[in-house]
Amino acid sequence: MIKEDFKNLNNLATKLHEETKKKGFYEEHRQIGTLLMLIVSELGEALEAERRNKKCPGFNLIETLEKIDDSWEAKEYISGTGTPAVNLKNAFETTVKDTFEDEIADALIRLLDLVGYLNIDIEKHAYYKMKYNDTRPYKHGKKF
């Protein structure tokens, strides 16, 4: 593992936080506990999606969403026509939304938003945490 493995996390956190602010979520001071529980709630939603076996249909779907995002049509997922943004929204809502993968992405976005809000250098923290974990025994000396 090298430091470059963690590059761009700070940049991503800053961008995600800026986007969240644009949507109005930081017009007033946010409580850290509330932000942490919102992350936990997304993980709870991921658990429920897993329990219901609600999974993203797969790589072909992601390719299709990328094509829509690049202004191509995806007739197999969308009936009718519309702008690429509308097509992406419709395709996402009918195939990806509320899946396990979607909820994990929500948790990651919320976590990185919190990192951006608190201005944490997550690249250094994650790197040195992994370096520290390298010094620990198998399963960190625990049963599981």
C-alpha atoms as a PDB file:
ATOM      1  CA  MET A   1       0.000   0.000   0.000  1.00  0.00           C
ATOM      2  CA  ILE A   2       1.297   3.417  -0.932  1.00  0.00           C
ATOM      3  CA  LYS A   3       0.054   6.915  -0.192  1.00  0.00           C
ATOM      4  CA  GLU A   4      -1.101   7.295  -3.794  1.00  0.00           C
ATOM      5  CA  ASP A   5      -3.744   4.642  -3.099  1.00  0.00           C
ATOM      6  CA  PHE A   6      -5.579   7.264  -1.028  1.00  0.00           C
ATOM      7  CA  LYS A   7      -5.166  10.230  -3.399  1.00  0.00           C
ATOM      8  CA  ASN A   8      -8.191  12.315  -4.292  1.00  0.00           C
ATOM      9  CA  LEU A   9     -10.280  11.377  -1.237  1.00  0.00           C
ATOM     10  CA  ASN A  10      -9.869  14.896   0.162  1.00  0.00           C
ATOM     11  CA  ASN A  11     -10.778  16.415  -3.201  1.00  0.00           C
ATOM     12  CA  LEU A  12     -13.839  14.165  -3.486  1.00  0.00           C
ATOM     13  CA  ALA A  13     -14.910  15.006   0.079  1.00  0.00           C
ATOM     14  CA  THR A  14     -14.634  18.730  -0.665  1.00  0.00           C
ATOM     15  CA  LYS A  15     -16.625  18.397  -3.900  1.00  0.00           C
ATOM     16  CA  LEU A  16     -19.340  16.289  -2.261  1.00  0.00           C
ATOM     17  CA  HIS A  17     -19.653  18.754   0.610  1.00  0.00           C
ATOM     18  CA  GLU A  18     -19.910  21.704  -1.805  1.00  0.00           C
ATOM     19  CA  GLU A  19     -22.670  19.911  -3.741  1.00  0.00           C
ATOM     20  CA  THR A  20     -24.521  19.151  -0.502  1.00  0.00           C
ATOM     21  CA  LYS A  21     -24.307  22.814   0.515  1.00  0.00           C
ATOM     22  CA  LYS A  22     -25.712  23.842  -2.889  1.00  0.00           C
ATOM     23  CA  LYS A  23     -28.738  21.648  -2.174  1.00  0.00           C
ATOM     24  CA  GLY A  24     -29.381  23.635   1.032  1.00  0.00           C
ATOM     25  CA  PHE A  25     -28.338  21.119   3.675  1.00  0.00           C
ATOM     26  CA  TYR A  26     -25.900  23.443   5.433  1.00  0.00           C
ATOM     27  CA  GLU A  27     -27.854  26.675   5.633  1.00  0.00           C
ATOM     28  CA  GLU A  28     -27.589  26.309   9.399  1.00  0.00           C
ATOM     29  CA  HIS A  29     -25.009  24.623  11.635  1.00  0.00           C
ATOM     30  CA  ARG A  30     -25.283  20.812  11.529  1.00  0.00           C
ATOM     31  CA  GLN A  31     -24.867  18.652  14.609  1.00  0.00           C
ATOM     32  CA  ILE A  32     -22.156  16.002  14.238  1.00  0.00           C
ATOM     33  CA  GLY A  33     -24.382  13.409  15.935  1.00  0.00           C
ATOM     34  CA  THR A  34     -27.148  14.020  13.400  1.00  0.00           C
ATOM     35  CA  LEU A  35     -24.730  13.673  10.489  1.00  0.00           C
ATOM     36  CA  LEU A  36     -23.323  10.442  11.945  1.00  0.00           C
ATOM     37  CA  MET A  37     -26.809   8.991  12.412  1.00  0.00           C
ATOM     38  CA  LEU A  38     -27.691   9.853   8.812  1.00  0.00           C
ATOM     39  CA  ILE A  39     -24.694   7.720   7.773  1.00  0.00           C
ATOM     40  CA  VAL A  40     -25.899   4.926  10.047  1.00  0.00           C
ATOM     41  CA  SER A  41     -29.412   5.197   8.598  1.00  0.00           C
ATOM     42  CA  GLU A  42     -28.025   4.654   5.087  1.00  0.00           C
ATOM     43  CA  LEU A  43     -26.207   1.547   6.317  1.00  0.00           C
ATOM     44  CA  GLY A  44     -29.488   0.352   7.853  1.00  0.00           C
ATOM     45  CA  GLU A  45     -31.149   0.846   4.482  1.00  0.00           C
ATOM     46  CA  ALA A  46     -28.326  -1.156   2.880  1.00  0.00           C
ATOM     47  CA  LEU A  47     -29.009  -3.972   5.351  1.00  0.00           C
ATOM     48  CA  GLU A  48     -32.703  -3.944   4.471  1.00  0.00           C
ATOM     49  CA  ALA A  49     -31.894  -4.006   0.738  1.00  0.00           C
ATOM     50  CA  GLU A  50     -29.584  -6.978   1.364  1.00  0.00           C
ATOM     51  CA  ARG A  51     -32.300  -8.754   3.379  1.00  0.00           C
ATOM     52  CA  ARG A  52     -34.689  -8.277   0.453  1.00  0.00           C
ATOM     53  CA  ASN A  53     -31.977  -9.281  -2.057  1.00  0.00           C
ATOM     54  CA  LYS A  54     -32.480  -5.963  -3.825  1.00  0.00           C
ATOM     55  CA  LYS A  55     -29.294  -5.719  -5.880  1.00  0.00           C
ATOM     56  CA  CYS A  56     -28.237  -3.594  -8.799  1.00  0.00           C
ATOM     57  CA  PRO A  57     -28.847  -5.570 -11.992  1.00  0.00           C
ATOM     58  CA  GLY A  58     -25.154  -5.496 -12.821  1.00  0.00           C
ATOM     59  CA  PHE A  59     -22.388  -4.101 -14.923  1.00  0.00           C
ATOM     60  CA  ASN A  60     -24.503  -3.831 -18.082  1.00  0.00           C
ATOM     61  CA  LEU A  61     -26.835  -1.486 -16.233  1.00  0.00           C
ATOM     62  CA  ILE A  62     -23.946   0.715 -15.130  1.00  0.00           C
ATOM     63  CA  GLU A  63     -22.701   0.819 -18.724  1.00  0.00           C
ATOM     64  CA  THR A  64     -26.183   1.847 -19.816  1.00  0.00           C
ATOM     65  CA  LEU A  65     -26.331   4.612 -17.213  1.00  0.00           C
ATOM     66  CA  GLU A  66     -22.934   5.822 -18.392  1.00  0.00           C
ATOM     67  CA  LYS A  67     -24.203   5.904 -21.959  1.00  0.00           C
ATOM     68  CA  ILE A  68     -27.259   7.907 -20.896  1.00  0.00           C
ATOM     69  CA  ASP A  69     -25.010  10.199 -18.917  1.00  0.00           C
ATOM     70  CA  ASP A  70     -22.957  10.704 -22.093  1.00  0.00           C
ATOM     71  CA  SER A  71     -26.184  11.741 -23.906  1.00  0.00           C
ATOM     72  CA  TRP A  72     -26.959   8.403 -25.538  1.00  0.00           C
ATOM     73  CA  GLU A  73     -30.402   6.815 -25.462  1.00  0.00           C
ATOM     74  CA  ALA A  74     -31.094   3.646 -23.512  1.00  0.00           C
ATOM     75  CA  LYS A  75     -34.364   2.319 -24.858  1.00  0.00           C
ATOM     76  CA  GLU A  76     -34.098  -0.974 -22.990  1.00  0.00           C
ATOM     77  CA  TYR A  77     -34.555   0.832 -19.654  1.00  0.00           C
ATOM     78  CA  ILE A  78     -36.744   3.758 -20.627  1.00  0.00           C
ATOM     79  CA  SER A  79     -39.986   3.944 -22.514  1.00  0.00           C
ATOM     80  CA  GLY A  80     -40.484   7.097 -24.522  1.00  0.00           C
ATOM     81  CA  THR A  81     -38.022   9.832 -25.135  1.00  0.00           C
ATOM     82  CA  GLY A  82     -36.600  12.634 -23.077  1.00  0.00           C
ATOM     83  CA  THR A  83     -33.487  14.549 -22.414  1.00  0.00           C
ATOM     84  CA  PRO A  84     -30.428  12.581 -21.290  1.00  0.00           C
ATOM     85  CA  ALA A  85     -30.816  13.951 -17.722  1.00  0.00           C
ATOM     86  CA  VAL A  86     -34.432  12.792 -17.595  1.00  0.00           C
ATOM     87  CA  ASN A  87     -33.446   9.431 -19.079  1.00  0.00           C
ATOM     88  CA  LEU A  88     -30.692   9.010 -16.480  1.00  0.00           C
ATOM     89  CA  LYS A  89     -33.081   9.927 -13.656  1.00  0.00           C
ATOM     90  CA  ASN A  90     -35.775   7.547 -14.899  1.00  0.00           C
ATOM     91  CA  ALA A  91     -33.359   4.682 -15.528  1.00  0.00           C
ATOM     92  CA  PHE A  92     -31.732   5.147 -12.144  1.00  0.00           C
ATOM     93  CA  GLU A  93     -35.031   5.322 -10.273  1.00  0.00           C
ATOM     94  CA  THR A  94     -36.425   2.202 -11.932  1.00  0.00           C
ATOM     95  CA  THR A  95     -33.324   0.020 -11.692  1.00  0.00           C
ATOM     96  CA  VAL A  96     -30.753   1.232  -9.153  1.00  0.00           C
ATOM     97  CA  LYS A  97     -32.540   3.320  -6.511  1.00  0.00           C
ATOM     98  CA  ASP A  98     -32.841   1.655  -3.103  1.00  0.00           C
ATOM     99  CA  THR A  99     -30.614  -1.292  -4.036  1.00  0.00           C
ATOM    100  CA  PHE A 100     -27.835  -2.470  -1.740  1.00  0.00           C
ATOM    101  CA  GLU A 101     -25.244  -0.773  -3.934  1.00  0.00           C
ATOM    102  CA  ASP A 102     -27.227   2.479  -3.977  1.00  0.00           C
ATOM    103  CA  GLU A 103     -27.484   2.556  -0.191  1.00  0.00           C
ATOM    104  CA  ILE A 104     -23.758   1.842   0.217  1.00  0.00           C
ATOM    105  CA  ALA A 105     -23.090   4.735  -2.165  1.00  0.00           C
ATOM    106  CA  ASP A 106     -25.393   6.939  -0.060  1.00  0.00           C
ATOM    107  CA  ALA A 107     -23.464   6.027   3.099  1.00  0.00           C
ATOM    108  CA  LEU A 108     -20.135   6.764   1.415  1.00  0.00           C
ATOM    109  CA  ILE A 109     -21.383  10.093   0.079  1.00  0.00           C
ATOM    110  CA  ARG A 110     -22.700  11.105   3.498  1.00  0.00           C
ATOM    111  CA  LEU A 111     -19.445  10.030   5.166  1.00  0.00           C
ATOM    112  CA  LEU A 112     -17.296  11.978   2.711  1.00  0.00           C
ATOM    113  CA  ASP A 113     -19.653  14.959   3.055  1.00  0.00           C
ATOM    114  CA  LEU A 114     -18.990  14.886   6.815  1.00  0.00           C
ATOM    115  CA  VAL A 115     -15.245  14.663   6.142  1.00  0.00           C
ATOM    116  CA  GLY A 116     -15.532  17.731   3.899  1.00  0.00           C
ATOM    117  CA  TYR A 117     -17.649  19.598   6.465  1.00  0.00           C
ATOM    118  CA  LEU A 118     -15.085  18.965   9.213  1.00  0.00           C
ATOM    119  CA  ASN A 119     -12.134  19.506   6.857  1.00  0.00           C
ATOM    120  CA  ILE A 120     -10.518  16.204   7.866  1.00  0.00           C
ATOM    121  CA  ASP A 121      -7.449  15.130   5.896  1.00  0.00           C
ATOM    122  CA  ILE A 122      -8.956  11.701   5.277  1.00  0.00           C
ATOM    123  CA  GLU A 123      -6.162  10.684   2.894  1.00  0.00           C
ATOM    124  CA  LYS A 124      -3.567  10.856   5.668  1.00  0.00           C
ATOM    125  CA  HIS A 125      -5.867   9.396   8.325  1.00  0.00           C
ATOM    126  CA  ALA A 126      -6.870   6.420   6.155  1.00  0.00           C
ATOM    127  CA  TYR A 127      -3.291   5.814   5.024  1.00  0.00           C
ATOM    128  CA  TYR A 128      -1.819   5.820   8.527  1.00  0.00           C
ATOM    129  CA  LYS A 129      -4.696   3.761   9.909  1.00  0.00           C
ATOM    130  CA  MET A 130      -3.986   1.078   7.304  1.00  0.00           C
ATOM    131  CA  LYS A 131      -0.245   1.258   8.091  1.00  0.00           C
ATOM    132  CA  TYR A 132      -1.106   0.807  11.769  1.00  0.00           C
ATOM    133  CA  ASN A 133      -3.430  -2.108  10.941  1.00  0.00           C
ATOM    134  CA  ASP A 134      -0.501  -3.765   9.134  1.00  0.00           C
ATOM    135  CA  THR A 135       1.190  -4.080  12.547  1.00  0.00           C
ATOM    136  CA  ARG A 136      -1.763  -5.856  14.111  1.00  0.00           C
ATOM    137  CA  PRO A 137      -2.196  -9.640  14.331  1.00  0.00           C
ATOM    138  CA  TYR A 138      -4.551 -11.802  12.275  1.00  0.00           C
ATOM    139  CA  LYS A 139      -8.151 -10.577  12.818  1.00  0.00           C
ATOM    140  CA  HIS A 140      -6.513  -8.053  15.151  1.00  0.00           C
ATOM    141  CA  GLY A 141      -6.379 -10.810  17.780  1.00  0.00           C
ATOM    142  CA  LYS A 142     -10.157 -11.219  17.888  1.00  0.00           C
ATOM    143  CA  LYS A 143     -12.484 -14.107  17.116  1.00  0.00           C
ATOM    144  CA  PHE A 144     -14.290 -12.199  14.317  1.00  0.00           C
END
